[in-house]
Amino acid sequence: MSVTVEISKEAEAKLKSRADEMGKGLPDFVEYLLEREARDPERSFDEIVAPIHDDFAKSGMTEDELEALLDEVVHEVRAERASRVK
């Protein structure tokens, strides 16, 4: 099947850049995107995070403990990035 679409120059430039990152030509990259969408239509946010939610519920961790853990990880990542900039 063949389809012709008109897109903005900005969209074309972004798609070309993404295609280059993947080592694909633009037509192959667009085909890849369409095939991927046909196989796996976009899932809802709830569907995406369901496994994370389930694991959290099974862990027995409180919301406060999770928040503290996330704060710690964010602090570590920021410190690591700051050390690379110097």
C-alpha atoms as a PDB file:
ATOM      1  CA  MET A   1       0.000   0.000   0.000  1.00  0.00           C
ATOM      2  CA  SER A   2       1.191   3.488  -0.746  1.00  0.00           C
ATOM      3  CA  VAL A   3       0.091   6.710   0.972  1.00  0.00           C
ATOM      4  CA  THR A   4       1.045  10.307   0.249  1.00  0.00           C
ATOM      5  CA  VAL A   5       0.900  12.895   3.020  1.00  0.00           C
ATOM      6  CA  GLU A   6       1.890  16.534   3.307  1.00  0.00           C
ATOM      7  CA  ILE A   7       3.782  17.562   6.443  1.00  0.00           C
ATOM      8  CA  SER A   8       5.385  20.803   7.588  1.00  0.00           C
ATOM      9  CA  LYS A   9       9.058  21.467   6.954  1.00  0.00           C
ATOM     10  CA  GLU A  10       9.604  21.429  10.723  1.00  0.00           C
ATOM     11  CA  ALA A  11       8.043  17.980  11.058  1.00  0.00           C
ATOM     12  CA  GLU A  12      10.080  16.736   8.109  1.00  0.00           C
ATOM     13  CA  ALA A  13      13.305  18.017   9.650  1.00  0.00           C
ATOM     14  CA  LYS A  14      12.518  16.341  12.985  1.00  0.00           C
ATOM     15  CA  LEU A  15      11.622  13.064  11.292  1.00  0.00           C
ATOM     16  CA  LYS A  16      14.807  13.159   9.204  1.00  0.00           C
ATOM     17  CA  SER A  17      16.842  13.766  12.346  1.00  0.00           C
ATOM     18  CA  ARG A  18      15.194  10.832  14.156  1.00  0.00           C
ATOM     19  CA  ALA A  19      15.680   8.643  11.064  1.00  0.00           C
ATOM     20  CA  ASP A  20      19.383   9.542  10.986  1.00  0.00           C
ATOM     21  CA  GLU A  21      19.726   8.653  14.680  1.00  0.00           C
ATOM     22  CA  MET A  22      18.328   5.196  13.887  1.00  0.00           C
ATOM     23  CA  GLY A  23      20.448   4.784  10.774  1.00  0.00           C
ATOM     24  CA  LYS A  24      17.380   4.738   8.521  1.00  0.00           C
ATOM     25  CA  GLY A  25      16.288   6.740   5.518  1.00  0.00           C
ATOM     26  CA  LEU A  26      13.203   8.893   5.966  1.00  0.00           C
ATOM     27  CA  PRO A  27      10.839   6.582   4.016  1.00  0.00           C
ATOM     28  CA  ASP A  28      12.013   3.550   5.996  1.00  0.00           C
ATOM     29  CA  PHE A  29      11.652   5.432   9.281  1.00  0.00           C
ATOM     30  CA  VAL A  30       8.112   6.580   8.460  1.00  0.00           C
ATOM     31  CA  GLU A  31       7.218   3.012   7.494  1.00  0.00           C
ATOM     32  CA  TYR A  32       8.693   1.806  10.808  1.00  0.00           C
ATOM     33  CA  LEU A  33       6.566   4.340  12.745  1.00  0.00           C
ATOM     34  CA  LEU A  34       3.375   3.354  10.957  1.00  0.00           C
ATOM     35  CA  GLU A  35       4.019  -0.374  11.378  1.00  0.00           C
ATOM     36  CA  ARG A  36       4.805   0.120  15.072  1.00  0.00           C
ATOM     37  CA  GLU A  37       1.593   2.067  15.584  1.00  0.00           C
ATOM     38  CA  ALA A  38      -0.410  -0.619  13.794  1.00  0.00           C
ATOM     39  CA  ARG A  39       1.094  -3.332  16.040  1.00  0.00           C
ATOM     40  CA  ASP A  40       1.052  -1.489  19.364  1.00  0.00           C
ATOM     41  CA  PRO A  41      -1.434   1.371  19.478  1.00  0.00           C
ATOM     42  CA  GLU A  42      -0.674   3.865  22.184  1.00  0.00           C
ATOM     43  CA  ARG A  43      -1.554   2.613  25.614  1.00  0.00           C
ATOM     44  CA  SER A  44      -3.139   4.776  28.290  1.00  0.00           C
ATOM     45  CA  PHE A  45      -1.008   6.122  31.114  1.00  0.00           C
ATOM     46  CA  ASP A  46      -2.784   3.803  33.544  1.00  0.00           C
ATOM     47  CA  GLU A  47      -1.892   0.779  31.389  1.00  0.00           C
ATOM     48  CA  ILE A  48       1.752   1.844  31.202  1.00  0.00           C
ATOM     49  CA  VAL A  49       2.182   2.364  34.958  1.00  0.00           C
ATOM     50  CA  ALA A  50       0.059  -0.598  36.109  1.00  0.00           C
ATOM     51  CA  PRO A  51       3.074  -2.915  36.599  1.00  0.00           C
ATOM     52  CA  ILE A  52       4.870  -0.215  38.601  1.00  0.00           C
ATOM     53  CA  HIS A  53       1.784   0.359  40.733  1.00  0.00           C
ATOM     54  CA  ASP A  54       1.423  -3.387  41.365  1.00  0.00           C
ATOM     55  CA  ASP A  55       5.090  -3.763  42.347  1.00  0.00           C
ATOM     56  CA  PHE A  56       4.798  -0.786  44.705  1.00  0.00           C
ATOM     57  CA  ALA A  57       1.684  -2.279  46.339  1.00  0.00           C
ATOM     58  CA  LYS A  58       3.471  -5.626  46.812  1.00  0.00           C
ATOM     59  CA  SER A  59       6.585  -3.988  48.253  1.00  0.00           C
ATOM     60  CA  GLY A  60       4.884  -2.824  51.434  1.00  0.00           C
ATOM     61  CA  MET A  61       6.657   0.528  51.084  1.00  0.00           C
ATOM     62  CA  THR A  62       4.739   3.583  52.249  1.00  0.00           C
ATOM     63  CA  GLU A  63       4.211   6.617  50.033  1.00  0.00           C
ATOM     64  CA  ASP A  64       6.523   8.609  52.319  1.00  0.00           C
ATOM     65  CA  GLU A  65       9.267   5.982  51.934  1.00  0.00           C
ATOM     66  CA  LEU A  66       8.849   6.029  48.166  1.00  0.00           C
ATOM     67  CA  GLU A  67       9.023   9.813  48.114  1.00  0.00           C
ATOM     68  CA  ALA A  68      12.218   9.743  50.197  1.00  0.00           C
ATOM     69  CA  LEU A  69      13.750   7.139  47.882  1.00  0.00           C
ATOM     70  CA  LEU A  70      12.894   9.174  44.787  1.00  0.00           C
ATOM     71  CA  ASP A  71      14.283  12.352  46.370  1.00  0.00           C
ATOM     72  CA  GLU A  72      17.520  10.506  47.132  1.00  0.00           C
ATOM     73  CA  VAL A  73      17.834   9.209  43.571  1.00  0.00           C
ATOM     74  CA  VAL A  74      17.125  12.643  42.086  1.00  0.00           C
ATOM     75  CA  HIS A  75      19.787  14.153  44.364  1.00  0.00           C
ATOM     76  CA  GLU A  76      22.328  11.491  43.291  1.00  0.00           C
ATOM     77  CA  VAL A  77      21.609  12.011  39.583  1.00  0.00           C
ATOM     78  CA  ARG A  78      21.899  15.774  39.894  1.00  0.00           C
ATOM     79  CA  ALA A  79      25.186  15.458  41.788  1.00  0.00           C
ATOM     80  CA  GLU A  80      26.547  13.106  39.121  1.00  0.00           C
ATOM     81  CA  ARG A  81      25.544  15.494  36.314  1.00  0.00           C
ATOM     82  CA  ALA A  82      27.078  18.450  38.159  1.00  0.00           C
ATOM     83  CA  SER A  83      30.361  16.567  38.565  1.00  0.00           C
ATOM     84  CA  ARG A  84      30.479  15.868  34.792  1.00  0.00           C
ATOM     85  CA  VAL A  85      29.959  19.549  33.945  1.00  0.00           C
ATOM     86  CA  LYS A  86      32.980  20.683  35.960  1.00  0.00           C
END
